[in-house]
Amino acid sequence: MIALAPLLLPLALSLACSEPDPHTEDWSQHYQAGRAALSQSRFAEAEQALSHALTLAETFAPDDPRYGRTVHQLAQLHVVRGELTRAESLYQHLRERQTALPDDHPDKVLTLDKLGDTYRLQQRPAEAAALYDRVLAFQQMHRGDEEVAATMQKLADLYRAQGDRAAADSLAQRAHALNLRARAHALFLQGHYQRAAPLYHNALALQTGEHPDLARTCYYLGRLYDAQDRYRQAEHFYRRALAASPASDPDQVGAALTDLLARKAASAPP
């Protein structure tokens, strides 16, 4: 007779491992209930549910993202209710918990951004600006134009509130140009080339001289004309992009230009 115990033991272990974690289910239930109540402005109910969810999240592993998600929801509840000191305390605690994360970790950057928002609402502009500067440095490397523009606008508002109108106007103009470029790029990706072109050019008009965003705008204009086989215009903007950023080529403009010139030569009459 075949011994059943060696066969049944792995099955029992497998079934045991597949059983749902009651803490996970309980956390999810309270977290979702808190979010739903918050969206419907049932603040007392939302606070009770989210506070319970946070207590449960504290039992998870230190790097479990559910703790941060719960903190953000509960802190936003306090912000909506005007309880900024309580929101700040939650964000500060989360920031300490995320100390071991690398500086460019998205969760760490999100906490800095939200804590900066809290400082801004508390009219602590210097502290808010210091955090937004760090958020902006991350976004410029890893995020799209719209997110970068939003942080630039927040910084511009802070500078204006502190009386630094020149810095505020400069950042606000950069933010406006990036928003124009983002709208143009969305249209370009949808194939609406004629609608994208004026927006790209409007953005370019705001980026004169050694503007830090000039190279990418020229590159996007090169791609726009390249997609329409308008080789002369595409080459012009690819070369402008390379000239504007000679030390590096993050968008691989050089490769795009080489490919364009090869296609241009191949299409030329014999």
Protein backbone atom coordinates (compact mmCIF):
# COMPACT_ATOMS: atom_id res chain seq x y z
CA MET A 1 0.00 0.00 0.00
CA ILE A 2 1.25 3.46 -0.85
CA ALA A 3 1.99 5.58 2.22
CA LEU A 4 -0.39 8.54 2.13
CA ALA A 5 1.30 10.77 4.70
CA PRO A 6 4.22 11.90 2.47
CA LEU A 7 1.74 12.74 -0.29
CA LEU A 8 -0.79 14.55 1.86
CA LEU A 9 1.72 16.67 3.78
CA PRO A 10 2.73 18.87 0.78
CA LEU A 11 -0.94 19.28 -0.12
CA ALA A 12 -1.78 20.37 3.42
CA LEU A 13 1.08 22.84 3.42
CA SER A 14 -0.03 24.21 0.05
CA LEU A 15 -3.59 24.70 1.25
CA ALA A 16 -2.36 26.36 4.43
CA CYS A 17 -0.23 28.80 2.44
CA SER A 18 -3.12 29.67 0.15
CA GLU A 19 -5.47 30.59 2.99
CA PRO A 20 -6.19 34.34 2.97
CA ASP A 21 -4.44 36.42 5.60
CA PRO A 22 -7.16 37.76 7.92
CA HIS A 23 -5.11 40.91 8.59
CA THR A 24 -4.88 41.59 4.86
CA GLU A 25 -8.61 41.15 4.34
CA ASP A 26 -9.41 43.25 7.40
CA TRP A 27 -7.04 46.01 6.25
CA SER A 28 -8.52 46.05 2.75
CA GLN A 29 -12.06 46.20 4.10
CA HIS A 30 -11.36 49.18 6.37
CA TYR A 31 -9.13 50.94 3.83
CA GLN A 32 -11.74 50.77 1.09
CA ALA A 33 -14.51 51.78 3.48
CA GLY A 34 -12.44 54.77 4.59
CA ARG A 35 -11.77 55.86 1.01
CA ALA A 36 -15.45 55.55 0.11
CA ALA A 37 -16.52 57.55 3.17
CA LEU A 38 -13.91 60.23 2.45
CA SER A 39 -15.11 60.59 -1.15
CA GLN A 40 -18.62 61.20 0.20
CA SER A 41 -17.46 63.68 2.89
CA ARG A 42 -18.44 61.34 5.73
CA PHE A 43 -15.37 62.42 7.64
CA ALA A 44 -15.95 60.85 11.05
CA GLU A 45 -16.68 57.49 9.46
CA ALA A 46 -13.66 57.84 7.16
CA GLU A 47 -11.33 58.65 10.07
CA GLN A 48 -12.52 55.66 12.08
CA ALA A 49 -12.07 53.24 9.18
CA LEU A 50 -8.70 54.61 8.04
CA SER A 51 -7.33 54.74 11.59
CA HIS A 52 -8.24 51.08 12.00
CA ALA A 53 -6.60 50.31 8.64
CA LEU A 54 -3.44 52.13 9.73
CA THR A 55 -3.26 50.12 12.95
CA LEU A 56 -3.45 46.95 10.89
CA ALA A 57 -0.88 48.22 8.37
CA GLU A 58 1.60 48.73 11.20
CA THR A 59 1.72 44.95 11.63
CA PHE A 60 2.92 44.42 8.05
CA ALA A 61 6.55 44.42 6.93
CA PRO A 62 8.30 47.81 7.27
CA ASP A 63 8.54 48.21 3.49
CA ASP A 64 4.93 47.18 2.81
CA PRO A 65 3.38 49.90 0.59
CA ARG A 66 -0.01 49.54 2.25
CA TYR A 67 1.19 51.51 5.25
CA GLY A 68 2.09 54.49 3.07
CA ARG A 69 -1.15 54.29 1.13
CA THR A 70 -3.14 54.38 4.37
CA VAL A 71 -1.14 57.29 5.75
CA HIS A 72 -1.74 59.33 2.60
CA GLN A 73 -5.49 58.77 2.76
CA LEU A 74 -5.71 59.60 6.45
CA ALA A 75 -3.47 62.65 6.09
CA GLN A 76 -5.56 63.95 3.20
CA LEU A 77 -8.64 63.57 5.39
CA HIS A 78 -6.98 65.80 7.98
CA VAL A 79 -6.02 68.32 5.29
CA VAL A 80 -9.60 68.51 4.05
CA ARG A 81 -10.79 69.11 7.61
CA GLY A 82 -8.15 71.78 8.15
CA GLU A 83 -6.26 69.66 10.69
CA LEU A 84 -2.87 70.47 9.21
CA THR A 85 -0.81 69.68 12.30
CA ARG A 86 -2.22 66.15 12.40
CA ALA A 87 -1.54 65.72 8.67
CA GLU A 88 2.02 66.97 9.12
CA SER A 89 2.61 64.53 11.98
CA LEU A 90 1.50 61.60 9.82
CA TYR A 91 3.71 62.65 6.91
CA GLN A 92 6.69 63.18 9.19
CA HIS A 93 6.26 59.71 10.65
CA LEU A 94 5.99 58.22 7.17
CA ARG A 95 9.08 60.14 6.10
CA GLU A 96 11.05 58.63 8.99
CA ARG A 97 9.78 55.17 8.08
CA GLN A 98 11.02 55.68 4.49
CA THR A 99 14.52 56.81 5.50
CA ALA A 100 16.12 53.63 4.17
CA LEU A 101 14.59 54.07 0.71
CA PRO A 102 16.79 55.64 -1.99
CA ASP A 103 16.23 59.35 -2.56
CA ASP A 104 14.74 58.73 -6.00
CA HIS A 105 12.20 56.17 -4.81
CA PRO A 106 8.72 57.25 -5.98
CA ASP A 107 7.10 56.58 -2.59
CA LYS A 108 9.67 58.75 -0.84
CA VAL A 109 9.21 61.56 -3.36
CA LEU A 110 5.42 61.42 -3.00
CA THR A 111 5.74 61.85 0.76
CA LEU A 112 8.00 64.88 0.28
CA ASP A 113 5.50 66.37 -2.16
CA LYS A 114 2.53 65.93 0.18
CA LEU A 115 4.47 67.20 3.17
CA GLY A 116 5.44 70.21 1.06
CA ASP A 117 1.76 70.80 0.31
CA THR A 118 1.04 70.71 4.02
CA TYR A 119 3.79 73.26 4.74
CA ARG A 120 2.44 75.47 1.97
CA LEU A 121 -1.04 75.40 3.51
CA GLN A 122 0.51 76.25 6.89
CA GLN A 123 2.20 79.26 5.24
CA ARG A 124 5.70 77.88 5.78
CA PRO A 125 7.05 78.72 2.32
CA ALA A 126 10.76 78.14 2.90
CA GLU A 127 10.20 74.61 4.20
CA ALA A 128 7.75 73.84 1.41
CA ALA A 129 10.10 75.16 -1.28
CA ALA A 130 12.99 73.00 -0.03
CA LEU A 131 10.86 69.87 -0.43
CA TYR A 132 9.43 70.92 -3.80
CA ASP A 133 12.97 71.44 -5.10
CA ARG A 134 13.74 67.80 -4.32
CA VAL A 135 10.47 66.64 -5.87
CA LEU A 136 11.17 68.68 -9.00
CA ALA A 137 14.65 67.21 -9.41
CA PHE A 138 13.11 63.72 -9.39
CA GLN A 139 10.27 64.62 -11.73
CA GLN A 140 12.57 66.18 -14.30
CA MET A 141 14.40 62.85 -14.53
CA HIS A 142 11.49 60.42 -14.31
CA ARG A 143 8.16 62.13 -14.97
CA GLY A 144 6.32 63.86 -17.79
CA ASP A 145 5.88 67.53 -18.54
CA GLU A 146 2.55 67.92 -16.75
CA GLU A 147 3.84 66.73 -13.38
CA VAL A 148 6.97 68.87 -13.71
CA ALA A 149 4.86 71.89 -14.63
CA ALA A 150 2.57 71.39 -11.64
CA THR A 151 5.49 71.45 -9.20
CA MET A 152 7.05 74.44 -10.95
CA GLN A 153 3.77 76.30 -10.57
CA LYS A 154 3.66 75.49 -6.86
CA LEU A 155 7.17 76.85 -6.47
CA ALA A 156 6.25 79.93 -8.49
CA ASP A 157 3.32 80.60 -6.16
CA LEU A 158 5.62 80.30 -3.15
CA TYR A 159 8.18 82.70 -4.61
CA ARG A 160 5.46 85.18 -5.46
CA ALA A 161 4.11 85.00 -1.92
CA GLN A 162 7.61 85.79 -0.64
CA GLY A 163 7.92 88.79 -2.95
CA ASP A 164 10.40 87.24 -5.39
CA ARG A 165 8.45 88.16 -8.49
CA ALA A 166 11.29 87.56 -10.97
CA ALA A 167 11.80 83.95 -9.85
CA ALA A 168 8.05 83.40 -9.74
CA ASP A 169 7.50 84.72 -13.25
CA SER A 170 10.38 82.68 -14.65
CA LEU A 171 9.08 79.41 -13.19
CA ALA A 172 5.49 80.18 -14.15
CA GLN A 173 6.59 80.76 -17.74
CA ARG A 174 8.50 77.47 -17.78
CA ALA A 175 5.44 75.69 -16.38
CA HIS A 176 3.21 77.23 -19.05
CA ALA A 177 5.57 76.16 -21.82
CA LEU A 178 5.69 72.61 -20.47
CA ASN A 179 1.91 72.43 -20.33
CA LEU A 180 1.75 73.59 -23.95
CA ARG A 181 4.31 70.96 -24.90
CA ALA A 182 2.41 68.25 -23.04
CA ARG A 183 -0.81 69.11 -24.90
CA ALA A 184 1.08 69.17 -28.20
CA HIS A 185 2.73 65.82 -27.51
CA ALA A 186 -0.60 64.19 -26.70
CA LEU A 187 -1.98 65.42 -30.03
CA PHE A 188 1.17 64.27 -31.84
CA LEU A 189 0.82 60.75 -30.43
CA GLN A 190 -2.79 60.70 -31.66
CA GLY A 191 -1.67 61.69 -35.15
CA HIS A 192 -3.15 65.20 -35.00
CA TYR A 193 -0.06 66.83 -36.47
CA GLN A 194 -1.66 70.06 -37.64
CA ARG A 195 -3.13 70.74 -34.21
CA ALA A 196 0.09 69.84 -32.41
CA ALA A 197 2.38 72.10 -34.45
CA PRO A 198 1.22 75.53 -33.18
CA LEU A 199 1.32 74.36 -29.57
CA TYR A 200 4.89 73.13 -29.97
CA HIS A 201 5.85 76.42 -31.58
CA ASN A 202 4.14 78.42 -28.84
CA ALA A 203 6.12 76.47 -26.26
CA LEU A 204 9.32 77.08 -28.22
CA ALA A 205 8.66 80.83 -28.31
CA LEU A 206 8.79 80.84 -24.50
CA GLN A 207 12.10 78.97 -24.41
CA THR A 208 14.65 81.44 -25.73
CA GLY A 209 18.41 81.50 -25.26
CA GLU A 210 19.93 78.70 -23.20
CA HIS A 211 16.59 77.56 -21.85
CA PRO A 212 16.85 74.17 -20.08
CA ASP A 213 13.77 72.80 -21.85
CA LEU A 214 14.70 74.00 -25.33
CA ALA A 215 16.48 70.85 -26.54
CA ARG A 216 13.52 68.57 -25.93
CA THR A 217 11.02 70.94 -27.54
CA CYS A 218 13.21 71.12 -30.65
CA TYR A 219 13.50 67.33 -30.65
CA TYR A 220 9.73 66.94 -30.46
CA LEU A 221 9.32 69.39 -33.33
CA GLY A 222 11.85 67.36 -35.30
CA ARG A 223 9.83 64.22 -34.68
CA LEU A 224 6.64 66.02 -35.70
CA TYR A 225 8.05 67.05 -39.08
CA ASP A 226 9.87 63.74 -39.49
CA ALA A 227 6.55 61.89 -39.13
CA GLN A 228 5.23 63.96 -42.05
CA ASP A 229 8.34 63.33 -44.20
CA ARG A 230 9.14 67.03 -44.07
CA TYR A 231 12.84 66.35 -44.03
CA ARG A 232 14.16 69.90 -44.18
CA GLN A 233 12.17 71.11 -41.17
CA ALA A 234 12.86 67.92 -39.24
CA GLU A 235 16.60 68.20 -39.83
CA HIS A 236 16.56 71.84 -38.74
CA PHE A 237 14.97 71.06 -35.39
CA TYR A 238 17.05 67.94 -34.76
CA ARG A 239 20.19 70.03 -35.27
CA ARG A 240 18.82 72.74 -32.97
CA ALA A 241 18.17 70.12 -30.32
CA LEU A 242 21.72 68.83 -30.54
CA ALA A 243 23.14 72.35 -30.42
CA ALA A 244 21.05 73.20 -27.37
CA SER A 245 22.30 70.16 -25.44
CA PRO A 246 25.78 69.36 -26.77
CA ALA A 247 27.04 67.60 -23.62
CA SER A 248 24.38 64.89 -23.57
CA ASP A 249 21.72 63.39 -25.78
CA PRO A 250 19.07 61.75 -23.56
CA ASP A 251 16.50 61.67 -26.37
CA GLN A 252 18.98 60.10 -28.84
CA VAL A 253 18.52 62.98 -31.24
CA GLY A 254 21.77 62.08 -32.97
CA ALA A 255 20.43 58.66 -33.94
CA ALA A 256 17.18 60.21 -35.16
CA LEU A 257 19.10 62.71 -37.28
CA THR A 258 21.33 60.01 -38.78
CA ASP A 259 18.30 57.94 -39.69
CA LEU A 260 16.57 60.99 -41.18
CA LEU A 261 19.57 61.87 -43.36
CA ALA A 262 19.77 58.29 -44.63
CA ARG A 263 16.09 58.33 -45.60
CA LYS A 264 16.45 61.76 -47.13
CA ALA A 265 19.37 60.57 -49.28
CA ALA A 266 17.48 57.44 -50.32
CA SER A 267 14.45 59.48 -51.42
CA ALA A 268 16.48 61.97 -53.44
CA PRO A 269 16.15 61.66 -57.23
CA PRO A 270 19.15 60.01 -58.97
